[in-house]
Amino acid sequence: MHRWLIPRRERFAWRARLHANPASSLAYRIGVGVLGALLLILSALTGWLPGPGGIPLFLIGMAVLASEFRWAHRITVTVLMVVRHVECWSRRAKVIGVCVFGGVVVVCFYIALLVVGIPSWVPGWAVRLLSRLPGVG
C-alpha cells in the first residue's frame, strides 16, 4: 500500500475536536463538500477563459474535497502518481502521448458534433467549416 493511502492522525487539534462530535463533524463535512463542489462548478464555468481558465479552481476544489473525503484523496493521489510517472518518459514518448491525447479529443469533439449538432452560438465561418464534415452538415 502506498504511504499516501495509509490513514493518519489529524494534524490539527481543532479538526480532531471537530470530528469528535458527530453533529459538528457532519456539518463540517457538508460545508467542505459544498465548498468543493462550488469550486468545481466554477472551474467548469470559467474553463473557457483564456490562460489557465478553470484549472486552478479545479485543483483547489479537489484539494478542498481531498482534505475530508477519501474518494477525492484517492483521485488526487492517483493523478499525482500518473504525472510523476509521465515525467520519467522520454521526449519522444511525451510527444507521442500528446498526439494520441489530441487525437482522442478530436474524435470526441466529432462524436459530440454528430450527436448534438453544431451549437447555435458558433460563428458563421465556423459553421461553414464544420458543416463540411461528413454526417455533421
Protein backbone atom coordinates (compact mmCIF):
# COMPACT_ATOMS: atom_id res chain seq x y z
CA MET A 1 0.00 0.00 0.00
CA HIS A 2 1.31 3.43 -0.88
CA ARG A 3 2.21 5.66 2.05
CA TRP A 4 -0.28 8.34 0.97
CA LEU A 5 -3.13 5.85 1.24
CA ILE A 6 -2.37 4.98 4.86
CA PRO A 7 -4.75 6.81 7.20
CA ARG A 8 -3.03 9.15 9.61
CA ARG A 9 -3.87 11.06 12.71
CA GLU A 10 -5.30 14.54 12.38
CA ARG A 11 -2.56 17.15 12.01
CA PHE A 12 -4.63 19.90 13.56
CA ALA A 13 -6.16 19.75 17.04
CA TRP A 14 -9.20 21.79 16.01
CA ARG A 15 -10.12 19.18 13.36
CA ALA A 16 -9.72 16.36 15.87
CA ARG A 17 -12.06 18.18 18.29
CA LEU A 18 -14.50 18.87 15.45
CA HIS A 19 -14.59 15.23 14.38
CA ALA A 20 -15.07 14.06 17.97
CA ASN A 21 -18.64 15.43 17.92
CA PRO A 22 -20.80 13.64 15.31
CA ALA A 23 -23.08 16.64 14.72
CA SER A 24 -20.24 19.10 14.15
CA SER A 25 -18.37 16.55 12.06
CA LEU A 26 -21.39 16.12 9.77
CA ALA A 27 -21.86 19.88 9.46
CA TYR A 28 -18.16 20.32 8.67
CA ARG A 29 -18.22 17.57 6.03
CA ILE A 30 -21.30 19.11 4.41
CA GLY A 31 -19.61 22.53 4.38
CA VAL A 32 -16.44 21.10 2.84
CA GLY A 33 -18.49 19.20 0.26
CA VAL A 34 -20.49 22.28 -0.72
CA LEU A 35 -17.37 24.47 -0.97
CA GLY A 36 -15.50 21.85 -3.02
CA ALA A 37 -18.47 21.30 -5.34
CA LEU A 38 -18.87 25.06 -5.78
CA LEU A 39 -15.21 25.40 -6.76
CA LEU A 40 -15.54 22.53 -9.26
CA ILE A 41 -18.64 24.12 -10.80
CA LEU A 42 -16.87 27.49 -11.01
CA SER A 43 -13.94 25.78 -12.71
CA ALA A 44 -16.27 24.37 -15.35
CA LEU A 45 -17.86 27.79 -15.86
CA THR A 46 -14.51 29.58 -16.21
CA GLY A 47 -12.81 26.87 -18.24
CA TRP A 48 -13.33 28.75 -21.50
CA LEU A 49 -11.43 31.84 -20.31
CA PRO A 50 -8.02 32.47 -21.86
CA GLY A 51 -5.00 31.37 -19.90
CA PRO A 52 -5.35 28.64 -17.33
CA GLY A 53 -9.13 29.17 -17.18
CA GLY A 54 -10.68 26.89 -14.59
CA ILE A 55 -7.65 24.70 -13.95
CA PRO A 56 -6.56 26.47 -10.72
CA LEU A 57 -10.13 26.41 -9.41
CA PHE A 58 -10.41 22.71 -10.24
CA LEU A 59 -7.17 21.93 -8.41
CA ILE A 60 -8.23 23.97 -5.37
CA GLY A 61 -11.65 22.31 -5.38
CA MET A 62 -10.11 18.84 -5.48
CA ALA A 63 -7.70 19.80 -2.67
CA VAL A 64 -10.61 21.02 -0.54
CA LEU A 65 -12.55 17.81 -1.18
CA ALA A 66 -9.46 15.64 -0.60
CA SER A 67 -8.97 17.21 2.81
CA GLU A 68 -12.14 15.49 4.04
CA PHE A 69 -13.25 12.78 1.58
CA ARG A 70 -11.27 9.62 0.94
CA TRP A 71 -12.54 9.21 -2.66
CA ALA A 72 -11.24 12.67 -3.61
CA HIS A 73 -7.94 11.94 -1.86
CA ARG A 74 -7.57 8.70 -3.84
CA ILE A 75 -8.24 10.51 -7.13
CA THR A 76 -5.72 13.22 -6.25
CA VAL A 77 -3.05 10.70 -5.27
CA THR A 78 -3.65 8.65 -8.43
CA VAL A 79 -3.34 11.71 -10.67
CA LEU A 80 -0.13 12.76 -8.89
CA MET A 81 1.34 9.28 -9.37
CA VAL A 82 0.45 9.32 -13.09
CA VAL A 83 2.01 12.78 -13.50
CA ARG A 84 5.20 11.64 -11.78
CA HIS A 85 5.26 8.55 -13.99
CA VAL A 86 4.83 10.64 -17.17
CA GLU A 87 7.66 12.95 -16.03
CA CYS A 88 10.02 9.99 -16.43
CA TRP A 89 9.05 9.41 -20.06
CA SER A 90 11.45 10.28 -22.85
CA ARG A 91 10.77 13.32 -25.01
CA ARG A 92 9.65 11.09 -27.89
CA ALA A 93 7.18 9.21 -25.68
CA LYS A 94 5.77 12.51 -24.40
CA VAL A 95 5.27 13.78 -27.97
CA ILE A 96 3.51 10.54 -28.93
CA GLY A 97 1.35 10.77 -25.79
CA VAL A 98 0.33 14.34 -26.60
CA CYS A 99 -0.53 13.35 -30.19
CA VAL A 100 -2.63 10.39 -29.01
CA PHE A 101 -4.41 12.57 -26.46
CA GLY A 102 -5.06 15.23 -29.10
CA GLY A 103 -6.46 12.58 -31.43
CA VAL A 104 -8.81 11.33 -28.73
CA VAL A 105 -10.01 14.91 -28.10
CA VAL A 106 -10.67 15.45 -31.82
CA VAL A 107 -12.60 12.16 -32.09
CA CYS A 108 -14.69 13.06 -29.01
CA PHE A 109 -15.40 16.51 -30.47
CA TYR A 110 -16.50 14.92 -33.76
CA ILE A 111 -18.76 12.43 -31.98
CA ALA A 112 -20.29 15.28 -29.97
CA LEU A 113 -21.00 17.14 -33.22
CA LEU A 114 -22.64 14.02 -34.67
CA VAL A 115 -24.84 13.54 -31.62
CA VAL A 116 -25.72 17.13 -30.70
CA GLY A 117 -25.12 19.01 -33.92
CA ILE A 118 -23.48 22.39 -34.37
CA PRO A 119 -24.36 24.73 -31.47
CA SER A 120 -26.19 27.95 -32.31
CA TRP A 121 -23.51 30.14 -30.70
CA VAL A 122 -20.80 29.04 -33.16
CA PRO A 123 -19.81 31.86 -35.57
CA GLY A 124 -20.93 31.60 -39.19
CA TRP A 125 -17.45 30.95 -40.61
CA ALA A 126 -17.01 28.01 -38.21
CA VAL A 127 -20.47 26.66 -39.08
CA ARG A 128 -19.50 26.64 -42.75
CA LEU A 129 -16.30 24.72 -41.96
CA LEU A 130 -17.95 22.27 -39.57
CA SER A 131 -20.87 21.57 -41.92
CA ARG A 132 -18.36 20.13 -44.44
CA LEU A 133 -17.61 17.26 -42.08
CA PRO A 134 -19.37 14.02 -43.07
CA GLY A 135 -22.55 13.46 -41.05
CA VAL A 136 -22.47 16.89 -39.39
CA GLY A 137 -23.84 19.11 -42.14
